[in-house]
Amino acid sequence: MDRDYDGFKIEPFEAGRGLWHARIWRMDRKPVVIDGVSFSALEVGFAWSDPEAAIADAKTQIDRLNLNRYATAELPRRTIGGVS
């Protein structure tokens, strides 16, 4: 039961009996980089009573967090002693 939204896939999943959450990831499968931390997928939301509510919340979180601004971010190059 995946959903596409604004360049992201949303997958609701049951974390416990009747406790629905959502997992989101970029449709191109590249990681989302937030503050230099790479995430292949993000799990968002509260424990909703049905999958549709979890999907609606995930869409709200994508919009609220403006995840597309992170979608093209690259991981910073790590340096050791000023040499990359």
PDB file of N, CA and C in Angstrom:
ATOM      1  N   MET A   1       0.835  -1.176   0.000  1.00  0.00           N
ATOM      2  CA  MET A   1       0.000   0.000   0.000  1.00  0.00           C
ATOM      3  C   MET A   1       0.890   1.253   0.000  1.00  0.00           C
ATOM      4  N   ASP A   2       1.743   1.380  -1.007  1.00  0.00           N
ATOM      5  CA  ASP A   2       2.598   2.564  -1.133  1.00  0.00           C
ATOM      6  C   ASP A   2       1.814   3.699  -1.776  1.00  0.00           C
ATOM      7  N   ARG A   3       2.213   4.910  -1.453  1.00  0.00           N
ATOM      8  CA  ARG A   3       1.635   6.104  -2.066  1.00  0.00           C
ATOM      9  C   ARG A   3       2.781   6.996  -2.535  1.00  0.00           C
ATOM     10  N   ASP A   4       2.593   7.648  -3.658  1.00  0.00           N
ATOM     11  CA  ASP A   4       3.556   8.616  -4.173  1.00  0.00           C
ATOM     12  C   ASP A   4       3.069  10.012  -3.815  1.00  0.00           C
ATOM     13  N   TYR A   5       4.021  10.862  -3.386  1.00  0.00           N
ATOM     14  CA  TYR A   5       3.664  12.237  -3.044  1.00  0.00           C
ATOM     15  C   TYR A   5       4.888  13.136  -3.172  1.00  0.00           C
ATOM     16  N   ASP A   6       4.832  14.097  -4.056  1.00  0.00           N
ATOM     17  CA  ASP A   6       5.830  15.152  -4.173  1.00  0.00           C
ATOM     18  C   ASP A   6       7.260  14.615  -4.223  1.00  0.00           C
ATOM     19  N   GLY A   7       7.468  13.546  -5.011  1.00  0.00           N
ATOM     20  CA  GLY A   7       8.810  12.985  -5.162  1.00  0.00           C
ATOM     21  C   GLY A   7       9.192  11.969  -4.097  1.00  0.00           C
ATOM     22  N   PHE A   8       8.249  11.612  -3.251  1.00  0.00           N
ATOM     23  CA  PHE A   8       8.506  10.649  -2.178  1.00  0.00           C
ATOM     24  C   PHE A   8       7.526   9.488  -2.261  1.00  0.00           C
ATOM     25  N   LYS A   9       7.961   8.343  -1.780  1.00  0.00           N
ATOM     26  CA  LYS A   9       7.095   7.180  -1.589  1.00  0.00           C
ATOM     27  C   LYS A   9       6.699   7.164  -0.121  1.00  0.00           C
ATOM     28  N   ILE A  10       5.455   6.839   0.138  1.00  0.00           N
ATOM     29  CA  ILE A  10       4.957   6.724   1.507  1.00  0.00           C
ATOM     30  C   ILE A  10       4.429   5.306   1.684  1.00  0.00           C
ATOM     31  N   GLU A  11       4.913   4.646   2.715  1.00  0.00           N
ATOM     32  CA  GLU A  11       4.468   3.282   3.012  1.00  0.00           C
ATOM     33  C   GLU A  11       3.941   3.230   4.436  1.00  0.00           C
ATOM     34  N   PRO A  12       2.637   3.026   4.605  1.00  0.00           N
ATOM     35  CA  PRO A  12       2.124   2.863   5.963  1.00  0.00           C
ATOM     36  C   PRO A  12       2.506   1.478   6.496  1.00  0.00           C
ATOM     37  N   PHE A  13       2.735   1.395   7.790  1.00  0.00           N
ATOM     38  CA  PHE A  13       3.023   0.095   8.393  1.00  0.00           C
ATOM     39  C   PHE A  13       2.444   0.067   9.799  1.00  0.00           C
ATOM     40  N   GLU A  14       2.084  -1.123  10.205  1.00  0.00           N
ATOM     41  CA  GLU A  14       1.481  -1.306  11.524  1.00  0.00           C
ATOM     42  C   GLU A  14       2.587  -1.627  12.523  1.00  0.00           C
ATOM     43  N   ALA A  15       2.806  -0.720  13.482  1.00  0.00           N
ATOM     44  CA  ALA A  15       3.863  -0.886  14.472  1.00  0.00           C
ATOM     45  C   ALA A  15       3.381  -1.668  15.692  1.00  0.00           C
ATOM     46  N   GLY A  16       2.130  -1.885  15.773  1.00  0.00           N
ATOM     47  CA  GLY A  16       1.484  -2.631  16.837  1.00  0.00           C
ATOM     48  C   GLY A  16       0.026  -2.781  16.428  1.00  0.00           C
ATOM     49  N   ARG A  17      -0.705  -3.556  17.118  1.00  0.00           N
ATOM     50  CA  ARG A  17      -2.088  -3.778  16.715  1.00  0.00           C
ATOM     51  C   ARG A  17      -2.853  -2.453  16.669  1.00  0.00           C
ATOM     52  N   GLY A  18      -3.240  -2.043  15.461  1.00  0.00           N
ATOM     53  CA  GLY A  18      -4.011  -0.822  15.285  1.00  0.00           C
ATOM     54  C   GLY A  18      -3.207   0.458  15.468  1.00  0.00           C
ATOM     55  N   LEU A  19      -1.869   0.368  15.438  1.00  0.00           N
ATOM     56  CA  LEU A  19      -1.004   1.539  15.603  1.00  0.00           C
ATOM     57  C   LEU A  19      -0.227   1.756  14.307  1.00  0.00           C
ATOM     58  N   TRP A  20      -0.734   2.636  13.468  1.00  0.00           N
ATOM     59  CA  TRP A  20      -0.172   2.853  12.143  1.00  0.00           C
ATOM     60  C   TRP A  20       0.792   4.028  12.115  1.00  0.00           C
ATOM     61  N   HIS A  21       1.909   3.830  11.450  1.00  0.00           N
ATOM     62  CA  HIS A  21       2.929   4.846  11.217  1.00  0.00           C
ATOM     63  C   HIS A  21       3.194   4.880   9.711  1.00  0.00           C
ATOM     64  N   ALA A  22       4.088   5.762   9.277  1.00  0.00           N
ATOM     65  CA  ALA A  22       4.435   5.814   7.861  1.00  0.00           C
ATOM     66  C   ALA A  22       5.938   5.939   7.700  1.00  0.00           C
ATOM     67  N   ARG A  23       6.436   5.297   6.670  1.00  0.00           N
ATOM     68  CA  ARG A  23       7.848   5.379   6.297  1.00  0.00           C
ATOM     69  C   ARG A  23       7.883   6.108   4.959  1.00  0.00           C
ATOM     70  N   ILE A  24       8.803   7.064   4.826  1.00  0.00           N
ATOM     71  CA  ILE A  24       8.928   7.791   3.568  1.00  0.00           C
ATOM     72  C   ILE A  24      10.362   7.726   3.067  1.00  0.00           C
ATOM     73  N   TRP A  25      10.508   7.707   1.755  1.00  0.00           N
ATOM     74  CA  TRP A  25      11.821   7.761   1.137  1.00  0.00           C
ATOM     75  C   TRP A  25      11.666   8.399  -0.235  1.00  0.00           C
ATOM     76  N   ARG A  26      12.794   8.897  -0.765  1.00  0.00           N
ATOM     77  CA  ARG A  26      12.784   9.529  -2.079  1.00  0.00           C
ATOM     78  C   ARG A  26      12.481   8.498  -3.143  1.00  0.00           C
ATOM     79  N   MET A  27      11.740   8.891  -4.159  1.00  0.00           N
ATOM     80  CA  MET A  27      11.388   7.970  -5.229  1.00  0.00           C
ATOM     81  C   MET A  27      12.616   7.506  -6.008  1.00  0.00           C
ATOM     82  N   ASP A  28      13.658   8.345  -6.070  1.00  0.00           N
ATOM     83  CA  ASP A  28      14.882   7.942  -6.775  1.00  0.00           C
ATOM     84  C   ASP A  28      15.821   7.135  -5.880  1.00  0.00           C
ATOM     85  N   ARG A  29      15.393   6.882  -4.658  1.00  0.00           N
ATOM     86  CA  ARG A  29      16.122   6.068  -3.666  1.00  0.00           C
ATOM     87  C   ARG A  29      17.413   6.702  -3.168  1.00  0.00           C
ATOM     88  N   LYS A  30      17.695   7.962  -3.537  1.00  0.00           N
ATOM     89  CA  LYS A  30      18.855   8.652  -2.972  1.00  0.00           C
ATOM     90  C   LYS A  30      18.511   9.047  -1.544  1.00  0.00           C
ATOM     91  N   PRO A  31      19.506   9.143  -0.681  1.00  0.00           N
ATOM     92  CA  PRO A  31      19.203   9.496   0.709  1.00  0.00           C
ATOM     93  C   PRO A  31      18.793  10.958   0.851  1.00  0.00           C
ATOM     94  N   VAL A  32      18.039  11.221   1.886  1.00  0.00           N
ATOM     95  CA  VAL A  32      17.737  12.584   2.307  1.00  0.00           C
ATOM     96  C   VAL A  32      18.822  12.950   3.313  1.00  0.00           C
ATOM     97  N   VAL A  33      19.479  14.082   3.110  1.00  0.00           N
ATOM     98  CA  VAL A  33      20.571  14.506   3.981  1.00  0.00           C
ATOM     99  C   VAL A  33      20.096  15.710   4.777  1.00  0.00           C
ATOM    100  N   ILE A  34      20.009  15.552   6.093  1.00  0.00           N
ATOM    101  CA  ILE A  34      19.565  16.618   6.983  1.00  0.00           C
ATOM    102  C   ILE A  34      20.691  16.892   7.969  1.00  0.00           C
ATOM    103  N   ASP A  35      21.169  18.118   7.964  1.00  0.00           N
ATOM    104  CA  ASP A  35      22.274  18.517   8.847  1.00  0.00           C
ATOM    105  C   ASP A  35      23.454  17.559   8.762  1.00  0.00           C
ATOM    106  N   GLY A  36      23.770  17.127   7.548  1.00  0.00           N
ATOM    107  CA  GLY A  36      24.925  16.259   7.334  1.00  0.00           C
ATOM    108  C   GLY A  36      24.697  14.793   7.659  1.00  0.00           C
ATOM    109  N   VAL A  37      23.477  14.441   8.053  1.00  0.00           N
ATOM    110  CA  VAL A  37      23.149  13.053   8.374  1.00  0.00           C
ATOM    111  C   VAL A  37      22.301  12.486   7.249  1.00  0.00           C
ATOM    112  N   SER A  38      22.713  11.351   6.726  1.00  0.00           N
ATOM    113  CA  SER A  38      22.048  10.718   5.596  1.00  0.00           C
ATOM    114  C   SER A  38      20.993   9.725   6.088  1.00  0.00           C
ATOM    115  N   PHE A  39      19.796   9.824   5.523  1.00  0.00           N
ATOM    116  CA  PHE A  39      18.708   8.912   5.864  1.00  0.00           C
ATOM    117  C   PHE A  39      18.209   8.248   4.587  1.00  0.00           C
ATOM    118  N   SER A  40      18.217   6.936   4.540  1.00  0.00           N
ATOM    119  CA  SER A  40      17.665   6.244   3.377  1.00  0.00           C
ATOM    120  C   SER A  40      16.142   6.268   3.425  1.00  0.00           C
ATOM    121  N   ALA A  41      15.590   6.291   4.631  1.00  0.00           N
ATOM    122  CA  ALA A  41      14.138   6.397   4.827  1.00  0.00           C
ATOM    123  C   ALA A  41      13.893   7.094   6.157  1.00  0.00           C
ATOM    124  N   LEU A  42      12.742   7.716   6.258  1.00  0.00           N
ATOM    125  CA  LEU A  42      12.341   8.375   7.500  1.00  0.00           C
ATOM    126  C   LEU A  42      11.025   7.768   7.961  1.00  0.00           C
ATOM    127  N   GLU A  43      10.911   7.519   9.243  1.00  0.00           N
ATOM    128  CA  GLU A  43       9.649   7.058   9.811  1.00  0.00           C
ATOM    129  C   GLU A  43       9.038   8.229  10.551  1.00  0.00           C
ATOM    130  N   VAL A  44       7.804   8.545  10.195  1.00  0.00           N
ATOM    131  CA  VAL A  44       7.168   9.744  10.722  1.00  0.00           C
ATOM    132  C   VAL A  44       5.796   9.424  11.293  1.00  0.00           C
ATOM    133  N   GLY A  45       5.348  10.320  12.142  1.00  0.00           N
ATOM    134  CA  GLY A  45       3.966  10.286  12.579  1.00  0.00           C
ATOM    135  C   GLY A  45       3.745   9.734  13.961  1.00  0.00           C
ATOM    136  N   PHE A  46       2.503   9.789  14.286  1.00  0.00           N
ATOM    137  CA  PHE A  46       2.014   9.266  15.560  1.00  0.00           C
ATOM    138  C   PHE A  46       1.443   7.884  15.328  1.00  0.00           C
ATOM    139  N   ALA A  47       0.933   7.271  16.332  1.00  0.00           N
ATOM    140  CA  ALA A  47       0.273   5.979  16.188  1.00  0.00           C
ATOM    141  C   ALA A  47      -1.177   6.236  15.763  1.00  0.00           C
ATOM    142  N   TRP A  48      -1.406   6.192  14.461  1.00  0.00           N
ATOM    143  CA  TRP A  48      -2.732   6.443  13.919  1.00  0.00           C
ATOM    144  C   TRP A  48      -3.550   5.156  13.936  1.00  0.00           C
ATOM    145  N   SER A  49      -4.853   5.290  13.916  1.00  0.00           N
ATOM    146  CA  SER A  49      -5.734   4.122  14.003  1.00  0.00           C
ATOM    147  C   SER A  49      -5.929   3.421  12.660  1.00  0.00           C
ATOM    148  N   ASP A  50      -5.535   4.063  11.547  1.00  0.00           N
ATOM    149  CA  ASP A  50      -5.670   3.403  10.246  1.00  0.00           C
ATOM    150  C   ASP A  50      -4.570   3.898   9.308  1.00  0.00           C
ATOM    151  N   PRO A  51      -4.281   3.133   8.261  1.00  0.00           N
ATOM    152  CA  PRO A  51      -3.181   3.487   7.368  1.00  0.00           C
ATOM    153  C   PRO A  51      -3.397   4.796   6.610  1.00  0.00           C
ATOM    154  N   GLU A  52      -4.630   5.107   6.267  1.00  0.00           N
ATOM    155  CA  GLU A  52      -4.894   6.350   5.535  1.00  0.00           C
ATOM    156  C   GLU A  52      -4.550   7.580   6.371  1.00  0.00           C
ATOM    157  N   ALA A  53      -4.790   7.517   7.663  1.00  0.00           N
ATOM    158  CA  ALA A  53      -4.430   8.636   8.547  1.00  0.00           C
ATOM    159  C   ALA A  53      -2.912   8.774   8.629  1.00  0.00           C
ATOM    160  N   ALA A  54      -2.200   7.649   8.645  1.00  0.00           N
ATOM    161  CA  ALA A  54      -0.735   7.692   8.680  1.00  0.00           C
ATOM    162  C   ALA A  54      -0.193   8.299   7.389  1.00  0.00           C
ATOM    163  N   ILE A  55      -0.796   7.966   6.257  1.00  0.00           N
ATOM    164  CA  ILE A  55      -0.384   8.527   4.969  1.00  0.00           C
ATOM    165  C   ILE A  55      -0.644  10.029   4.943  1.00  0.00           C
ATOM    166  N   ALA A  56      -1.801  10.452   5.409  1.00  0.00           N
ATOM    167  CA  ALA A  56      -2.130  11.884   5.441  1.00  0.00           C
ATOM    168  C   ALA A  56      -1.130  12.633   6.315  1.00  0.00           C
ATOM    169  N   ASP A  57      -0.760  12.060   7.449  1.00  0.00           N
ATOM    170  CA  ASP A  57       0.211  12.698   8.331  1.00  0.00           C
ATOM    171  C   ASP A  57       1.582  12.770   7.666  1.00  0.00           C
ATOM    172  N   ALA A  58       1.982  11.721   6.956  1.00  0.00           N
ATOM    173  CA  ALA A  58       3.272  11.722   6.263  1.00  0.00           C
ATOM    174  C   ALA A  58       3.309  12.838   5.219  1.00  0.00           C
ATOM    175  N   LYS A  59       2.217  13.038   4.490  1.00  0.00           N
ATOM    176  CA  LYS A  59       2.157  14.127   3.505  1.00  0.00           C
ATOM    177  C   LYS A  59       2.316  15.475   4.195  1.00  0.00           C
ATOM    178  N   THR A  60       1.674  15.627   5.338  1.00  0.00           N
ATOM    179  CA  THR A  60       1.801  16.870   6.103  1.00  0.00           C
ATOM    180  C   THR A  60       3.239  17.088   6.534  1.00  0.00           C
ATOM    181  N   GLN A  61       3.908  16.024   6.977  1.00  0.00           N
ATOM    182  CA  GLN A  61       5.292  16.140   7.427  1.00  0.00           C
ATOM    183  C   GLN A  61       6.231  16.476   6.266  1.00  0.00           C
ATOM    184  N   ILE A  62       5.990  15.892   5.093  1.00  0.00           N
ATOM    185  CA  ILE A  62       6.800  16.210   3.916  1.00  0.00           C
ATOM    186  C   ILE A  62       6.682  17.698   3.614  1.00  0.00           C
ATOM    187  N   ASP A  63       5.463  18.211   3.654  1.00  0.00           N
ATOM    188  CA  ASP A  63       5.241  19.641   3.392  1.00  0.00           C
ATOM    189  C   ASP A  63       5.827  20.507   4.500  1.00  0.00           C
ATOM    190  N   ARG A  64       5.582  20.143   5.740  1.00  0.00           N
ATOM    191  CA  ARG A  64       6.016  20.947   6.873  1.00  0.00           C
ATOM    192  C   ARG A  64       7.539  21.015   6.966  1.00  0.00           C
ATOM    193  N   LEU A  65       8.187  19.890   6.777  1.00  0.00           N
ATOM    194  CA  LEU A  65       9.643  19.845   6.859  1.00  0.00           C
ATOM    195  C   LEU A  65      10.310  20.296   5.571  1.00  0.00           C
ATOM    196  N   ASN A  66       9.486  20.501   4.517  1.00  0.00           N
ATOM    197  CA  ASN A  66      10.014  20.905   3.217  1.00  0.00           C
ATOM    198  C   ASN A  66      11.155  19.977   2.813  1.00  0.00           C
ATOM    199  N   LEU A  67      10.890  18.681   2.822  1.00  0.00           N
ATOM    200  CA  LEU A  67      11.933  17.687   2.576  1.00  0.00           C
ATOM    201  C   LEU A  67      12.576  17.799   1.205  1.00  0.00           C
ATOM    202  N   ASN A  68      11.878  18.385   0.248  1.00  0.00           N
ATOM    203  CA  ASN A  68      12.500  18.508  -1.068  1.00  0.00           C
ATOM    204  C   ASN A  68      13.733  19.396  -1.052  1.00  0.00           C
ATOM    205  N   ARG A  69      13.841  20.292  -0.087  1.00  0.00           N
ATOM    206  CA  ARG A  69      15.065  21.108  -0.029  1.00  0.00           C
ATOM    207  C   ARG A  69      16.256  20.249   0.375  1.00  0.00           C
ATOM    208  N   TYR A  70      16.003  19.134   1.036  1.00  0.00           N
ATOM    209  CA  TYR A  70      17.075  18.214   1.424  1.00  0.00           C
ATOM    210  C   TYR A  70      17.310  17.146   0.362  1.00  0.00           C
ATOM    211  N   ALA A  71      16.398  17.025  -0.565  1.00  0.00           N
ATOM    212  CA  ALA A  71      16.450  15.924  -1.523  1.00  0.00           C
ATOM    213  C   ALA A  71      17.661  15.989  -2.435  1.00  0.00           C
ATOM    214  N   THR A  72      18.159  17.182  -2.724  1.00  0.00           N
ATOM    215  CA  THR A  72      19.304  17.283  -3.620  1.00  0.00           C
ATOM    216  C   THR A  72      20.592  17.555  -2.864  1.00  0.00           C
ATOM    217  N   ALA A  73      20.503  17.620  -1.554  1.00  0.00           N
ATOM    218  CA  ALA A  73      21.699  17.904  -0.758  1.00  0.00           C
ATOM    219  C   ALA A  73      22.674  16.744  -0.864  1.00  0.00           C
ATOM    220  N   GLU A  74      23.915  17.060  -0.895  1.00  0.00           N
ATOM    221  CA  GLU A  74      24.959  16.045  -0.927  1.00  0.00           C
ATOM    222  C   GLU A  74      25.610  15.967   0.442  1.00  0.00           C
ATOM    223  N   LEU A  75      26.137  14.814   0.763  1.00  0.00           N
ATOM    224  CA  LEU A  75      26.885  14.681   2.003  1.00  0.00           C
ATOM    225  C   LEU A  75      28.157  15.518   1.895  1.00  0.00           C
ATOM    226  N   PRO A  76      28.506  16.214   2.949  1.00  0.00           N
ATOM    227  CA  PRO A  76      29.751  16.978   2.894  1.00  0.00           C
ATOM    228  C   PRO A  76      30.944  16.035   2.829  1.00  0.00           C
ATOM    229  N   ARG A  77      31.991  16.448   2.150  1.00  0.00           N
ATOM    230  CA  ARG A  77      33.193  15.638   2.096  1.00  0.00           C
ATOM    231  C   ARG A  77      33.877  15.691   3.436  1.00  0.00           C
ATOM    232  N   ARG A  78      34.273  14.585   3.915  1.00  0.00           N
ATOM    233  CA  ARG A  78      34.957  14.519   5.203  1.00  0.00           C
ATOM    234  C   ARG A  78      36.434  14.799   4.981  1.00  0.00           C
ATOM    235  N   THR A  79      37.008  15.519   5.899  1.00  0.00           N
ATOM    236  CA  THR A  79      38.428  15.822   5.792  1.00  0.00           C
ATOM    237  C   THR A  79      39.165  15.326   7.021  1.00  0.00           C
ATOM    238  N   ILE A  80      40.407  14.969   6.815  1.00  0.00           N
ATOM    239  CA  ILE A  80      41.262  14.546   7.905  1.00  0.00           C
ATOM    240  C   ILE A  80      42.482  15.471   7.875  1.00  0.00           C
ATOM    241  N   GLY A  81      42.628  16.249   8.903  1.00  0.00           N
ATOM    242  CA  GLY A  81      43.754  17.157   8.977  1.00  0.00           C
ATOM    243  C   GLY A  81      43.766  18.184   7.859  1.00  0.00           C
ATOM    244  N   GLY A  82      42.564  18.578   7.395  1.00  0.00           N
ATOM    245  CA  GLY A  82      42.460  19.585   6.341  1.00  0.00           C
ATOM    246  C   GLY A  82      42.650  19.025   4.944  1.00  0.00           C
ATOM    247  N   VAL A  83      42.859  17.711   4.820  1.00  0.00           N
ATOM    248  CA  VAL A  83      43.026  17.073   3.514  1.00  0.00           C
ATOM    249  C   VAL A  83      41.821  16.211   3.252  1.00  0.00           C
ATOM    250  N   SER A  84      41.200  16.417   2.094  1.00  0.00           N
ATOM    251  CA  SER A  84      40.014  15.604   1.779  1.00  0.00           C
ATOM    252  C   SER A  84      40.373  14.422   0.904  1.00  0.00           C
TER     253      SER A  84
END
